[in-house]
Amino acid sequence: MAPARRDRKARPNPPPASGRGCPHHEARITYIDYKDTNLLRKFISDRGKIRSRRVTRLTVQQQKAMARAVKNARETALLPYGTGTVRAGR
């Protein structure tokens, strides 16, 4: 015999939105260009890594376009691949 199902109660009120909007809509950006290094640097960490969607608050499509633009900018030597710091003690 199958176990009895519990009734799932719907939340009476959804959790409030955090109030932090998408940076694309706030800055009115329509297209991410790989030559716009000032914009791309906002989405790269100080170590040269591409920041996650959780940090940048981008949608999936915007994150993919931004990552593609960063990679193109790295290939054309507009952005560095890394920081170039040397580890001490090795």
PDB file of N, CA and C in Angstrom:
ATOM      1  N   MET A   1       0.833  -1.172   0.000  1.00  0.00           N
ATOM      2  CA  MET A   1       0.000   0.000   0.000  1.00  0.00           C
ATOM      3  C   MET A   1       0.887   1.248   0.000  1.00  0.00           C
ATOM      4  N   ALA A   2       0.519   2.233  -0.809  1.00  0.00           N
ATOM      5  CA  ALA A   2       1.296   3.458  -0.926  1.00  0.00           C
ATOM      6  C   ALA A   2       1.116   4.316   0.323  1.00  0.00           C
ATOM      7  N   PRO A   3       2.180   5.033   0.715  1.00  0.00           N
ATOM      8  CA  PRO A   3       2.045   5.889   1.890  1.00  0.00           C
ATOM      9  C   PRO A   3       1.061   7.030   1.625  1.00  0.00           C
ATOM     10  N   ALA A   4       0.409   7.471   2.669  1.00  0.00           N
ATOM     11  CA  ALA A   4      -0.567   8.559   2.532  1.00  0.00           C
ATOM     12  C   ALA A   4       0.160   9.854   2.203  1.00  0.00           C
ATOM     13  N   ARG A   5      -0.425  10.627   1.320  1.00  0.00           N
ATOM     14  CA  ARG A   5       0.178  11.904   0.931  1.00  0.00           C
ATOM     15  C   ARG A   5      -0.258  12.991   1.901  1.00  0.00           C
ATOM     16  N   ARG A   6       0.654  13.839   2.200  1.00  0.00           N
ATOM     17  CA  ARG A   6       0.321  14.982   3.046  1.00  0.00           C
ATOM     18  C   ARG A   6      -0.129  16.121   2.147  1.00  0.00           C
ATOM     19  N   ASP A   7      -1.065  16.868   2.630  1.00  0.00           N
ATOM     20  CA  ASP A   7      -1.500  18.038   1.874  1.00  0.00           C
ATOM     21  C   ASP A   7      -0.439  19.120   2.016  1.00  0.00           C
ATOM     22  N   ARG A   8       0.023  19.580   0.893  1.00  0.00           N
ATOM     23  CA  ARG A   8       1.008  20.657   0.915  1.00  0.00           C
ATOM     24  C   ARG A   8       0.266  21.980   0.961  1.00  0.00           C
ATOM     25  N   LYS A   9       0.594  22.742   1.944  1.00  0.00           N
ATOM     26  CA  LYS A   9      -0.063  24.034   2.085  1.00  0.00           C
ATOM     27  C   LYS A   9       0.713  25.064   1.284  1.00  0.00           C
ATOM     28  N   ALA A  10      -0.019  25.824   0.525  1.00  0.00           N
ATOM     29  CA  ALA A  10       0.608  26.902  -0.227  1.00  0.00           C
ATOM     30  C   ALA A  10       0.944  28.032   0.736  1.00  0.00           C
ATOM     31  N   ARG A  11       2.000  28.712   0.450  1.00  0.00           N
ATOM     32  CA  ARG A  11       2.363  29.844   1.294  1.00  0.00           C
ATOM     33  C   ARG A  11       1.296  30.928   1.148  1.00  0.00           C
ATOM     34  N   PRO A  12       0.853  31.479   2.256  1.00  0.00           N
ATOM     35  CA  PRO A  12      -0.177  32.507   2.145  1.00  0.00           C
ATOM     36  C   PRO A  12       0.338  33.755   1.437  1.00  0.00           C
ATOM     37  N   ASN A  13       1.568  34.125   1.707  1.00  0.00           N
ATOM     38  CA  ASN A  13       2.170  35.292   1.060  1.00  0.00           C
ATOM     39  C   ASN A  13       3.556  34.901   0.576  1.00  0.00           C
ATOM     40  N   PRO A  14       3.876  35.177  -0.682  1.00  0.00           N
ATOM     41  CA  PRO A  14       5.232  34.865  -1.146  1.00  0.00           C
ATOM     42  C   PRO A  14       6.240  35.770  -0.451  1.00  0.00           C
ATOM     43  N   PRO A  15       7.493  35.326  -0.355  1.00  0.00           N
ATOM     44  CA  PRO A  15       8.501  36.166   0.297  1.00  0.00           C
ATOM     45  C   PRO A  15       8.701  37.453  -0.498  1.00  0.00           C
ATOM     46  N   PRO A  16       8.962  38.557   0.179  1.00  0.00           N
ATOM     47  CA  PRO A  16       9.121  39.824  -0.532  1.00  0.00           C
ATOM     48  C   PRO A  16      10.377  39.826  -1.390  1.00  0.00           C
ATOM     49  N   ALA A  17      10.322  40.555  -2.484  1.00  0.00           N
ATOM     50  CA  ALA A  17      11.480  40.680  -3.370  1.00  0.00           C
ATOM     51  C   ALA A  17      12.559  41.477  -2.647  1.00  0.00           C
ATOM     52  N   SER A  18      13.803  41.191  -2.985  1.00  0.00           N
ATOM     53  CA  SER A  18      14.912  41.819  -2.274  1.00  0.00           C
ATOM     54  C   SER A  18      15.084  43.285  -2.640  1.00  0.00           C
ATOM     55  N   GLY A  19      14.513  43.725  -3.749  1.00  0.00           N
ATOM     56  CA  GLY A  19      14.637  45.118  -4.127  1.00  0.00           C
ATOM     57  C   GLY A  19      15.847  45.398  -4.996  1.00  0.00           C
ATOM     58  N   ARG A  20      16.701  44.408  -5.157  1.00  0.00           N
ATOM     59  CA  ARG A  20      17.871  44.595  -6.005  1.00  0.00           C
ATOM     60  C   ARG A  20      17.509  44.149  -7.405  1.00  0.00           C
ATOM     61  N   GLY A  21      17.531  45.062  -8.329  1.00  0.00           N
ATOM     62  CA  GLY A  21      17.145  44.745  -9.689  1.00  0.00           C
ATOM     63  C   GLY A  21      18.299  44.237 -10.518  1.00  0.00           C
ATOM     64  N   CYS A  22      18.001  43.922 -11.739  1.00  0.00           N
ATOM     65  CA  CYS A  22      18.998  43.440 -12.685  1.00  0.00           C
ATOM     66  C   CYS A  22      19.880  44.613 -13.116  1.00  0.00           C
ATOM     67  N   PRO A  23      21.194  44.468 -13.105  1.00  0.00           N
ATOM     68  CA  PRO A  23      22.063  45.587 -13.481  1.00  0.00           C
ATOM     69  C   PRO A  23      21.917  45.992 -14.943  1.00  0.00           C
ATOM     70  N   HIS A  24      21.476  45.072 -15.798  1.00  0.00           N
ATOM     71  CA  HIS A  24      21.273  45.416 -17.204  1.00  0.00           C
ATOM     72  C   HIS A  24      20.150  46.420 -17.362  1.00  0.00           C
ATOM     73  N   HIS A  25      19.057  46.175 -16.663  1.00  0.00           N
ATOM     74  CA  HIS A  25      17.915  47.071 -16.778  1.00  0.00           C
ATOM     75  C   HIS A  25      18.197  48.409 -16.112  1.00  0.00           C
ATOM     76  N   GLU A  26      18.942  48.398 -15.033  1.00  0.00           N
ATOM     77  CA  GLU A  26      19.280  49.642 -14.349  1.00  0.00           C
ATOM     78  C   GLU A  26      20.189  50.509 -15.211  1.00  0.00           C
ATOM     79  N   ALA A  27      21.137  49.890 -15.913  1.00  0.00           N
ATOM     80  CA  ALA A  27      22.077  50.636 -16.745  1.00  0.00           C
ATOM     81  C   ALA A  27      21.574  50.821 -18.174  1.00  0.00           C
ATOM     82  N   ARG A  28      20.412  50.238 -18.498  1.00  0.00           N
ATOM     83  CA  ARG A  28      19.805  50.325 -19.835  1.00  0.00           C
ATOM     84  C   ARG A  28      20.755  49.802 -20.918  1.00  0.00           C
ATOM     85  N   ILE A  29      21.309  48.617 -20.666  1.00  0.00           N
ATOM     86  CA  ILE A  29      22.218  47.978 -21.608  1.00  0.00           C
ATOM     87  C   ILE A  29      21.402  47.065 -22.506  1.00  0.00           C
ATOM     88  N   THR A  30      21.542  47.244 -23.816  1.00  0.00           N
ATOM     89  CA  THR A  30      20.795  46.399 -24.746  1.00  0.00           C
ATOM     90  C   THR A  30      21.680  45.333 -25.372  1.00  0.00           C
ATOM     91  N   TYR A  31      22.978  45.592 -25.505  1.00  0.00           N
ATOM     92  CA  TYR A  31      23.875  44.656 -26.160  1.00  0.00           C
ATOM     93  C   TYR A  31      25.205  44.657 -25.420  1.00  0.00           C
ATOM     94  N   ILE A  32      25.747  43.488 -25.160  1.00  0.00           N
ATOM     95  CA  ILE A  32      27.055  43.371 -24.508  1.00  0.00           C
ATOM     96  C   ILE A  32      28.105  43.242 -25.596  1.00  0.00           C
ATOM     97  N   ASP A  33      28.977  44.225 -25.681  1.00  0.00           N
ATOM     98  CA  ASP A  33      30.018  44.234 -26.702  1.00  0.00           C
ATOM     99  C   ASP A  33      31.344  43.834 -26.062  1.00  0.00           C
ATOM    100  N   TYR A  34      32.090  42.972 -26.730  1.00  0.00           N
ATOM    101  CA  TYR A  34      33.357  42.510 -26.159  1.00  0.00           C
ATOM    102  C   TYR A  34      34.399  43.618 -26.136  1.00  0.00           C
ATOM    103  N   LYS A  35      34.184  44.696 -26.883  1.00  0.00           N
ATOM    104  CA  LYS A  35      35.140  45.801 -26.903  1.00  0.00           C
ATOM    105  C   LYS A  35      34.903  46.802 -25.771  1.00  0.00           C
ATOM    106  N   ASP A  36      33.777  46.679 -25.081  1.00  0.00           N
ATOM    107  CA  ASP A  36      33.449  47.570 -23.970  1.00  0.00           C
ATOM    108  C   ASP A  36      34.062  47.007 -22.685  1.00  0.00           C
ATOM    109  N   THR A  37      35.343  47.257 -22.491  1.00  0.00           N
ATOM    110  CA  THR A  37      36.056  46.649 -21.368  1.00  0.00           C
ATOM    111  C   THR A  37      35.630  47.228 -20.024  1.00  0.00           C
ATOM    112  N   ASN A  38      35.195  48.483 -19.998  1.00  0.00           N
ATOM    113  CA  ASN A  38      34.748  49.065 -18.727  1.00  0.00           C
ATOM    114  C   ASN A  38      33.524  48.330 -18.197  1.00  0.00           C
ATOM    115  N   LEU A  39      32.615  47.953 -19.070  1.00  0.00           N
ATOM    116  CA  LEU A  39      31.437  47.196 -18.660  1.00  0.00           C
ATOM    117  C   LEU A  39      31.827  45.778 -18.247  1.00  0.00           C
ATOM    118  N   LEU A  40      32.699  45.142 -19.016  1.00  0.00           N
ATOM    119  CA  LEU A  40      33.062  43.754 -18.736  1.00  0.00           C
ATOM    120  C   LEU A  40      33.842  43.615 -17.434  1.00  0.00           C
ATOM    121  N   ARG A  41      34.608  44.632 -17.066  1.00  0.00           N
ATOM    122  CA  ARG A  41      35.382  44.565 -15.822  1.00  0.00           C
ATOM    123  C   ARG A  41      34.481  44.504 -14.588  1.00  0.00           C
ATOM    124  N   LYS A  42      33.242  44.970 -14.708  1.00  0.00           N
ATOM    125  CA  LYS A  42      32.304  44.898 -13.584  1.00  0.00           C
ATOM    126  C   LYS A  42      31.895  43.459 -13.296  1.00  0.00           C
ATOM    127  N   PHE A  43      32.020  42.585 -14.292  1.00  0.00           N
ATOM    128  CA  PHE A  43      31.598  41.197 -14.153  1.00  0.00           C
ATOM    129  C   PHE A  43      32.770  40.245 -13.969  1.00  0.00           C
ATOM    130  N   ILE A  44      33.963  40.791 -13.708  1.00  0.00           N
ATOM    131  CA  ILE A  44      35.164  39.980 -13.508  1.00  0.00           C
ATOM    132  C   ILE A  44      35.709  40.268 -12.117  1.00  0.00           C
ATOM    133  N   SER A  45      36.146  39.219 -11.416  1.00  0.00           N
ATOM    134  CA  SER A  45      36.702  39.402 -10.074  1.00  0.00           C
ATOM    135  C   SER A  45      38.100  40.003 -10.169  1.00  0.00           C
ATOM    136  N   ASP A  46      38.652  40.349  -9.015  1.00  0.00           N
ATOM    137  CA  ASP A  46      39.997  40.918  -9.000  1.00  0.00           C
ATOM    138  C   ASP A  46      41.049  39.898  -9.414  1.00  0.00           C
ATOM    139  N   ARG A  47      40.706  38.610  -9.368  1.00  0.00           N
ATOM    140  CA  ARG A  47      41.615  37.554  -9.810  1.00  0.00           C
ATOM    141  C   ARG A  47      41.465  37.247 -11.291  1.00  0.00           C
ATOM    142  N   GLY A  48      40.512  37.882 -11.957  1.00  0.00           N
ATOM    143  CA  GLY A  48      40.327  37.661 -13.385  1.00  0.00           C
ATOM    144  C   GLY A  48      39.278  36.624 -13.725  1.00  0.00           C
ATOM    145  N   LYS A  49      38.554  36.132 -12.726  1.00  0.00           N
ATOM    146  CA  LYS A  49      37.531  35.115 -12.982  1.00  0.00           C
ATOM    147  C   LYS A  49      36.190  35.781 -13.280  1.00  0.00           C
ATOM    148  N   ILE A  50      35.373  35.107 -14.072  1.00  0.00           N
ATOM    149  CA  ILE A  50      34.036  35.598 -14.376  1.00  0.00           C
ATOM    150  C   ILE A  50      33.161  35.363 -13.149  1.00  0.00           C
ATOM    151  N   ARG A  51      32.479  36.400 -12.709  1.00  0.00           N
ATOM    152  CA  ARG A  51      31.626  36.284 -11.524  1.00  0.00           C
ATOM    153  C   ARG A  51      30.374  35.469 -11.833  1.00  0.00           C
ATOM    154  N   SER A  52      29.822  34.822 -10.819  1.00  0.00           N
ATOM    155  CA  SER A  52      28.661  33.953 -10.993  1.00  0.00           C
ATOM    156  C   SER A  52      27.380  34.772 -11.148  1.00  0.00           C
ATOM    157  N   ARG A  53      26.341  34.093 -11.598  1.00  0.00           N
ATOM    158  CA  ARG A  53      25.037  34.731 -11.760  1.00  0.00           C
ATOM    159  C   ARG A  53      24.490  35.210 -10.431  1.00  0.00           C
ATOM    160  N   ARG A  54      24.787  34.475  -9.389  1.00  0.00           N
ATOM    161  CA  ARG A  54      24.310  34.858  -8.065  1.00  0.00           C
ATOM    162  C   ARG A  54      24.867  36.201  -7.639  1.00  0.00           C
ATOM    163  N   VAL A  55      26.098  36.464  -8.008  1.00  0.00           N
ATOM    164  CA  VAL A  55      26.754  37.710  -7.625  1.00  0.00           C
ATOM    165  C   VAL A  55      26.345  38.841  -8.561  1.00  0.00           C
ATOM    166  N   THR A  56      26.299  38.564  -9.864  1.00  0.00           N
ATOM    167  CA  THR A  56      26.033  39.615 -10.844  1.00  0.00           C
ATOM    168  C   THR A  56      24.560  39.896 -11.047  1.00  0.00           C
ATOM    169  N   ARG A  57      23.675  38.978 -10.604  1.00  0.00           N
ATOM    170  CA  ARG A  57      22.226  39.112 -10.734  1.00  0.00           C
ATOM    171  C   ARG A  57      21.778  39.196 -12.188  1.00  0.00           C
ATOM    172  N   LEU A  58      22.441  38.472 -13.067  1.00  0.00           N
ATOM    173  CA  LEU A  58      22.061  38.439 -14.472  1.00  0.00           C
ATOM    174  C   LEU A  58      21.150  37.252 -14.737  1.00  0.00           C
ATOM    175  N   THR A  59      20.394  37.335 -15.828  1.00  0.00           N
ATOM    176  CA  THR A  59      19.592  36.191 -16.244  1.00  0.00           C
ATOM    177  C   THR A  59      20.507  35.192 -16.942  1.00  0.00           C
ATOM    178  N   VAL A  60      19.981  34.021 -17.264  1.00  0.00           N
ATOM    179  CA  VAL A  60      20.790  32.984 -17.911  1.00  0.00           C
ATOM    180  C   VAL A  60      21.297  33.482 -19.263  1.00  0.00           C
ATOM    181  N   GLN A  61      20.412  34.085 -20.039  1.00  0.00           N
ATOM    182  CA  GLN A  61      20.804  34.561 -21.365  1.00  0.00           C
ATOM    183  C   GLN A  61      21.841  35.680 -21.260  1.00  0.00           C
ATOM    184  N   GLN A  62      21.651  36.593 -20.314  1.00  0.00           N
ATOM    185  CA  GLN A  62      22.595  37.693 -20.143  1.00  0.00           C
ATOM    186  C   GLN A  62      23.947  37.183 -19.662  1.00  0.00           C
ATOM    187  N   GLN A  63      23.941  36.185 -18.775  1.00  0.00           N
ATOM    188  CA  GLN A  63      25.193  35.621 -18.269  1.00  0.00           C
ATOM    189  C   GLN A  63      25.963  34.937 -19.389  1.00  0.00           C
ATOM    190  N   LYS A  64      25.271  34.201 -20.251  1.00  0.00           N
ATOM    191  CA  LYS A  64      25.944  33.533 -21.368  1.00  0.00           C
ATOM    192  C   LYS A  64      26.540  34.549 -22.328  1.00  0.00           C
ATOM    193  N   ALA A  65      25.790  35.613 -22.626  1.00  0.00           N
ATOM    194  CA  ALA A  65      26.294  36.648 -23.533  1.00  0.00           C
ATOM    195  C   ALA A  65      27.486  37.374 -22.913  1.00  0.00           C
ATOM    196  N   MET A  66      27.415  37.635 -21.618  1.00  0.00           N
ATOM    197  CA  MET A  66      28.508  38.314 -20.941  1.00  0.00           C
ATOM    198  C   MET A  66      29.750  37.432 -20.896  1.00  0.00           C
ATOM    199  N   ALA A  67      29.579  36.133 -20.608  1.00  0.00           N
ATOM    200  CA  ALA A  67      30.723  35.219 -20.567  1.00  0.00           C
ATOM    201  C   ALA A  67      31.363  35.099 -21.943  1.00  0.00           C
ATOM    202  N   ARG A  68      30.542  35.041 -22.980  1.00  0.00           N
ATOM    203  CA  ARG A  68      31.061  34.967 -24.347  1.00  0.00           C
ATOM    204  C   ARG A  68      31.843  36.238 -24.685  1.00  0.00           C
ATOM    205  N   ALA A  69      31.338  37.403 -24.266  1.00  0.00           N
ATOM    206  CA  ALA A  69      32.022  38.667 -24.534  1.00  0.00           C
ATOM    207  C   ALA A  69      33.345  38.741 -23.777  1.00  0.00           C
ATOM    208  N   VAL A  70      33.370  38.258 -22.532  1.00  0.00           N
ATOM    209  CA  VAL A  70      34.614  38.262 -21.754  1.00  0.00           C
ATOM    210  C   VAL A  70      35.646  37.356 -22.412  1.00  0.00           C
ATOM    211  N   LYS A  71      35.212  36.189 -22.862  1.00  0.00           N
ATOM    212  CA  LYS A  71      36.141  35.256 -23.506  1.00  0.00           C
ATOM    213  C   LYS A  71      36.672  35.817 -24.820  1.00  0.00           C
ATOM    214  N   ASN A  72      35.820  36.495 -25.587  1.00  0.00           N
ATOM    215  CA  ASN A  72      36.280  37.131 -26.827  1.00  0.00           C
ATOM    216  C   ASN A  72      37.260  38.257 -26.518  1.00  0.00           C
ATOM    217  N   ALA A  73      36.988  39.032 -25.476  1.00  0.00           N
ATOM    218  CA  ALA A  73      37.885  40.124 -25.101  1.00  0.00           C
ATOM    219  C   ALA A  73      39.232  39.584 -24.628  1.00  0.00           C
ATOM    220  N   ARG A  74      39.235  38.443 -23.960  1.00  0.00           N
ATOM    221  CA  ARG A  74      40.500  37.831 -23.552  1.00  0.00           C
ATOM    222  C   ARG A  74      41.288  37.354 -24.758  1.00  0.00           C
ATOM    223  N   GLU A  75      40.603  36.766 -25.722  1.00  0.00           N
ATOM    224  CA  GLU A  75      41.279  36.272 -26.931  1.00  0.00           C
ATOM    225  C   GLU A  75      41.913  37.410 -27.719  1.00  0.00           C
ATOM    226  N   THR A  76      41.257  38.564 -27.746  1.00  0.00           N
ATOM    227  CA  THR A  76      41.781  39.703 -28.499  1.00  0.00           C
ATOM    228  C   THR A  76      42.686  40.589 -27.651  1.00  0.00           C
ATOM    229  N   ALA A  77      43.054  40.122 -26.459  1.00  0.00           N
ATOM    230  CA  ALA A  77      43.986  40.800 -25.550  1.00  0.00           C
ATOM    231  C   ALA A  77      43.448  42.128 -25.032  1.00  0.00           C
ATOM    232  N   LEU A  78      42.128  42.267 -24.948  1.00  0.00           N
ATOM    233  CA  LEU A  78      41.553  43.463 -24.340  1.00  0.00           C
ATOM    234  C   LEU A  78      41.425  43.297 -22.825  1.00  0.00           C
ATOM    235  N   LEU A  79      41.271  42.054 -22.384  1.00  0.00           N
ATOM    236  CA  LEU A  79      41.199  41.739 -20.958  1.00  0.00           C
ATOM    237  C   LEU A  79      42.245  40.674 -20.639  1.00  0.00           C
ATOM    238  N   PRO A  80      42.800  40.705 -19.429  1.00  0.00           N
ATOM    239  CA  PRO A  80      43.768  39.676 -19.058  1.00  0.00           C
ATOM    240  C   PRO A  80      43.085  38.368 -18.687  1.00  0.00           C
ATOM    241  N   TYR A  81      43.809  37.266 -18.840  1.00  0.00           N
ATOM    242  CA  TYR A  81      43.292  35.960 -18.425  1.00  0.00           C
ATOM    243  C   TYR A  81      43.343  35.816 -16.913  1.00  0.00           C
ATOM    244  N   GLY A  82      44.363  36.373 -16.297  1.00  0.00           N
ATOM    245  CA  GLY A  82      44.534  36.272 -14.847  1.00  0.00           C
ATOM    246  C   GLY A  82      45.221  37.513 -14.337  1.00  0.00           C
ATOM    247  N   THR A  83      45.610  37.475 -13.051  1.00  0.00           N
ATOM    248  CA  THR A  83      46.213  38.654 -12.447  1.00  0.00           C
ATOM    249  C   THR A  83      47.706  38.749 -12.705  1.00  0.00           C
ATOM    250  N   GLY A  84      48.359  37.624 -12.829  1.00  0.00           N
ATOM    251  CA  GLY A  84      49.793  37.650 -13.057  1.00  0.00           C
ATOM    252  C   GLY A  84      50.593  37.756 -11.780  1.00  0.00           C
ATOM    253  N   THR A  85      49.982  37.538 -10.622  1.00  0.00           N
ATOM    254  CA  THR A  85      50.721  37.572  -9.369  1.00  0.00           C
ATOM    255  C   THR A  85      51.474  36.262  -9.198  1.00  0.00           C
ATOM    256  N   VAL A  86      52.624  36.331  -8.557  1.00  0.00           N
ATOM    257  CA  VAL A  86      53.455  35.157  -8.346  1.00  0.00           C
ATOM    258  C   VAL A  86      53.237  34.675  -6.922  1.00  0.00           C
ATOM    259  N   ARG A  87      53.052  33.371  -6.760  1.00  0.00           N
ATOM    260  CA  ARG A  87      52.875  32.807  -5.426  1.00  0.00           C
ATOM    261  C   ARG A  87      54.206  32.786  -4.694  1.00  0.00           C
ATOM    262  N   ALA A  88      54.170  33.153  -3.443  1.00  0.00           N
ATOM    263  CA  ALA A  88      55.382  33.129  -2.626  1.00  0.00           C
ATOM    264  C   ALA A  88      55.557  31.747  -2.013  1.00  0.00           C
ATOM    265  N   GLY A  89      56.789  31.318  -1.874  1.00  0.00           N
ATOM    266  CA  GLY A  89      57.076  30.061  -1.204  1.00  0.00           C
ATOM    267  C   GLY A  89      57.035  28.841  -2.094  1.00  0.00           C
ATOM    268  N   ARG A  90      57.019  29.007  -3.359  1.00  0.00           N
ATOM    269  CA  ARG A  90      57.015  27.842  -4.251  1.00  0.00           C
ATOM    270  C   ARG A  90      58.254  27.809  -5.079  1.00  0.00           C
TER     271      ARG A  90
END
